[in-house]
Amino acid sequence: MTKLTPIESEFATTEEAEAYDAWFRAKVEARLASKSPRIPHDEVMARMQRIIDRRKNA
């Protein structure tokens, strides 16, 4: 994976970027290992579209 400079990153420092990356990877790994029911892609997309539509109309 290519390292980004602070100019190319939303993070002020490399340490912040690395901490976020570690946190994000841990969240993804935990979810992939979870035994809870999955949400179908179409349902997630429909939920997100409703959120987008509400914010556009607000």
N, C-alpha and C. Protein backbone atom coordinates (compact mmCIF):
# COMPACT_ATOMS: atom_id res chain seq x y z
N MET A 1 0.84 -1.17 0.00
CA MET A 1 0.00 0.00 0.00
C MET A 1 0.89 1.24 0.00
N THR A 2 0.57 2.19 -0.83
CA THR A 2 1.34 3.41 -0.94
C THR A 2 1.02 4.34 0.22
N LYS A 3 2.05 4.88 0.84
CA LYS A 3 1.86 5.85 1.92
C LYS A 3 1.55 7.21 1.31
N LEU A 4 0.60 7.92 1.89
CA LEU A 4 0.24 9.25 1.43
C LEU A 4 0.97 10.29 2.26
N THR A 5 1.29 11.40 1.67
CA THR A 5 1.84 12.51 2.42
C THR A 5 0.68 13.26 3.05
N PRO A 6 0.94 14.10 4.07
CA PRO A 6 -0.16 14.88 4.65
C PRO A 6 -0.88 15.75 3.61
N ILE A 7 -0.20 16.15 2.56
CA ILE A 7 -0.85 16.94 1.52
C ILE A 7 -1.90 16.10 0.80
N GLU A 8 -1.66 14.81 0.65
CA GLU A 8 -2.58 13.92 -0.06
C GLU A 8 -3.54 13.20 0.89
N SER A 9 -3.43 13.46 2.16
CA SER A 9 -4.20 12.74 3.16
C SER A 9 -5.11 13.69 3.92
N GLU A 10 -6.17 13.13 4.48
CA GLU A 10 -7.04 13.93 5.33
C GLU A 10 -6.48 14.05 6.74
N PHE A 11 -5.40 13.35 7.03
CA PHE A 11 -4.80 13.36 8.35
C PHE A 11 -3.61 14.30 8.40
N ALA A 12 -3.42 14.92 9.55
CA ALA A 12 -2.34 15.89 9.70
C ALA A 12 -0.98 15.23 9.80
N THR A 13 -0.95 14.01 10.34
CA THR A 13 0.34 13.33 10.52
C THR A 13 0.24 11.89 10.04
N THR A 14 1.40 11.32 9.81
CA THR A 14 1.46 9.90 9.45
C THR A 14 0.93 9.04 10.59
N GLU A 15 1.22 9.46 11.83
CA GLU A 15 0.77 8.70 13.00
C GLU A 15 -0.76 8.65 13.06
N GLU A 16 -1.41 9.78 12.76
CA GLU A 16 -2.88 9.80 12.75
C GLU A 16 -3.42 8.87 11.67
N ALA A 17 -2.81 8.91 10.52
CA ALA A 17 -3.25 8.05 9.41
C ALA A 17 -3.06 6.58 9.77
N GLU A 18 -1.93 6.25 10.37
CA GLU A 18 -1.67 4.85 10.75
C GLU A 18 -2.61 4.40 11.86
N ALA A 19 -2.92 5.28 12.81
CA ALA A 19 -3.84 4.93 13.89
C ALA A 19 -5.24 4.68 13.32
N TYR A 20 -5.66 5.53 12.40
CA TYR A 20 -6.97 5.33 11.78
C TYR A 20 -6.99 4.03 10.99
N ASP A 21 -5.94 3.77 10.24
CA ASP A 21 -5.86 2.55 9.45
C ASP A 21 -5.97 1.32 10.35
N ALA A 22 -5.26 1.32 11.47
CA ALA A 22 -5.32 0.19 12.40
C ALA A 22 -6.73 0.04 12.97
N TRP A 23 -7.35 1.15 13.36
CA TRP A 23 -8.71 1.11 13.90
C TRP A 23 -9.68 0.55 12.86
N PHE A 24 -9.59 1.07 11.63
CA PHE A 24 -10.50 0.65 10.57
C PHE A 24 -10.34 -0.83 10.26
N ARG A 25 -9.10 -1.29 10.15
CA ARG A 25 -8.86 -2.71 9.87
C ARG A 25 -9.41 -3.60 10.98
N ALA A 26 -9.27 -3.16 12.23
CA ALA A 26 -9.80 -3.94 13.35
C ALA A 26 -11.32 -4.02 13.28
N LYS A 27 -11.98 -2.90 12.92
CA LYS A 27 -13.44 -2.91 12.79
C LYS A 27 -13.89 -3.86 11.68
N VAL A 28 -13.20 -3.82 10.55
CA VAL A 28 -13.56 -4.69 9.43
C VAL A 28 -13.35 -6.15 9.81
N GLU A 29 -12.21 -6.46 10.42
CA GLU A 29 -11.94 -7.85 10.82
C GLU A 29 -12.98 -8.34 11.81
N ALA A 30 -13.35 -7.49 12.77
CA ALA A 30 -14.36 -7.89 13.76
C ALA A 30 -15.70 -8.16 13.09
N ARG A 31 -16.08 -7.33 12.15
CA ARG A 31 -17.36 -7.52 11.46
C ARG A 31 -17.34 -8.78 10.60
N LEU A 32 -16.24 -9.03 9.94
CA LEU A 32 -16.16 -10.23 9.12
C LEU A 32 -16.22 -11.50 9.97
N ALA A 33 -15.73 -11.42 11.19
CA ALA A 33 -15.75 -12.58 12.09
C ALA A 33 -17.08 -12.71 12.84
N SER A 34 -17.91 -11.69 12.77
CA SER A 34 -19.17 -11.67 13.50
C SER A 34 -20.13 -12.74 12.99
N LYS A 35 -20.91 -13.28 13.91
CA LYS A 35 -21.92 -14.28 13.56
C LYS A 35 -23.31 -13.65 13.40
N SER A 36 -23.40 -12.34 13.57
CA SER A 36 -24.70 -11.68 13.43
C SER A 36 -25.16 -11.71 11.98
N PRO A 37 -26.47 -11.58 11.76
CA PRO A 37 -26.99 -11.67 10.39
C PRO A 37 -26.43 -10.57 9.48
N ARG A 38 -26.23 -10.92 8.25
CA ARG A 38 -25.75 -9.97 7.25
C ARG A 38 -26.92 -9.16 6.73
N ILE A 39 -26.64 -7.95 6.26
CA ILE A 39 -27.67 -7.11 5.64
C ILE A 39 -27.42 -7.16 4.14
N PRO A 40 -28.44 -7.54 3.37
CA PRO A 40 -28.26 -7.62 1.92
C PRO A 40 -27.86 -6.27 1.31
N HIS A 41 -27.03 -6.32 0.29
CA HIS A 41 -26.53 -5.13 -0.37
C HIS A 41 -27.66 -4.20 -0.80
N ASP A 42 -28.70 -4.75 -1.42
CA ASP A 42 -29.81 -3.93 -1.90
C ASP A 42 -30.48 -3.17 -0.76
N GLU A 43 -30.60 -3.81 0.40
CA GLU A 43 -31.21 -3.14 1.55
C GLU A 43 -30.33 -1.99 2.05
N VAL A 44 -29.04 -2.22 2.12
CA VAL A 44 -28.12 -1.16 2.54
C VAL A 44 -28.19 0.01 1.57
N MET A 45 -28.17 -0.27 0.29
CA MET A 45 -28.22 0.80 -0.71
C MET A 45 -29.53 1.58 -0.63
N ALA A 46 -30.64 0.89 -0.38
CA ALA A 46 -31.93 1.57 -0.25
C ALA A 46 -31.93 2.48 0.98
N ARG A 47 -31.37 1.99 2.09
CA ARG A 47 -31.28 2.82 3.30
C ARG A 47 -30.44 4.06 3.04
N MET A 48 -29.31 3.88 2.39
CA MET A 48 -28.43 5.02 2.11
C MET A 48 -29.10 6.02 1.17
N GLN A 49 -29.85 5.53 0.20
CA GLN A 49 -30.54 6.43 -0.71
C GLN A 49 -31.58 7.26 0.03
N ARG A 50 -32.29 6.64 0.98
CA ARG A 50 -33.27 7.39 1.77
C ARG A 50 -32.58 8.48 2.59
N ILE A 51 -31.42 8.18 3.16
CA ILE A 51 -30.67 9.19 3.92
C ILE A 51 -30.25 10.33 3.01
N ILE A 52 -29.73 10.01 1.84
CA ILE A 52 -29.32 11.03 0.87
C ILE A 52 -30.50 11.89 0.48
N ASP A 53 -31.63 11.26 0.17
CA ASP A 53 -32.82 11.99 -0.25
C ASP A 53 -33.32 12.92 0.85
N ARG A 54 -33.32 12.45 2.10
CA ARG A 54 -33.76 13.30 3.21
C ARG A 54 -32.86 14.52 3.35
N ARG A 55 -31.57 14.33 3.20
CA ARG A 55 -30.64 15.46 3.35
C ARG A 55 -30.75 16.44 2.19
N LYS A 56 -31.03 15.93 1.00
CA LYS A 56 -31.22 16.83 -0.15
C LYS A 56 -32.46 17.68 0.04
N ASN A 57 -33.50 17.10 0.65
CA ASN A 57 -34.78 17.79 0.81
C ASN A 57 -34.86 18.60 2.10
N ALA A 58 -33.83 18.57 2.91
CA ALA A 58 -33.86 19.28 4.20
C ALA A 58 -33.60 20.76 4.03
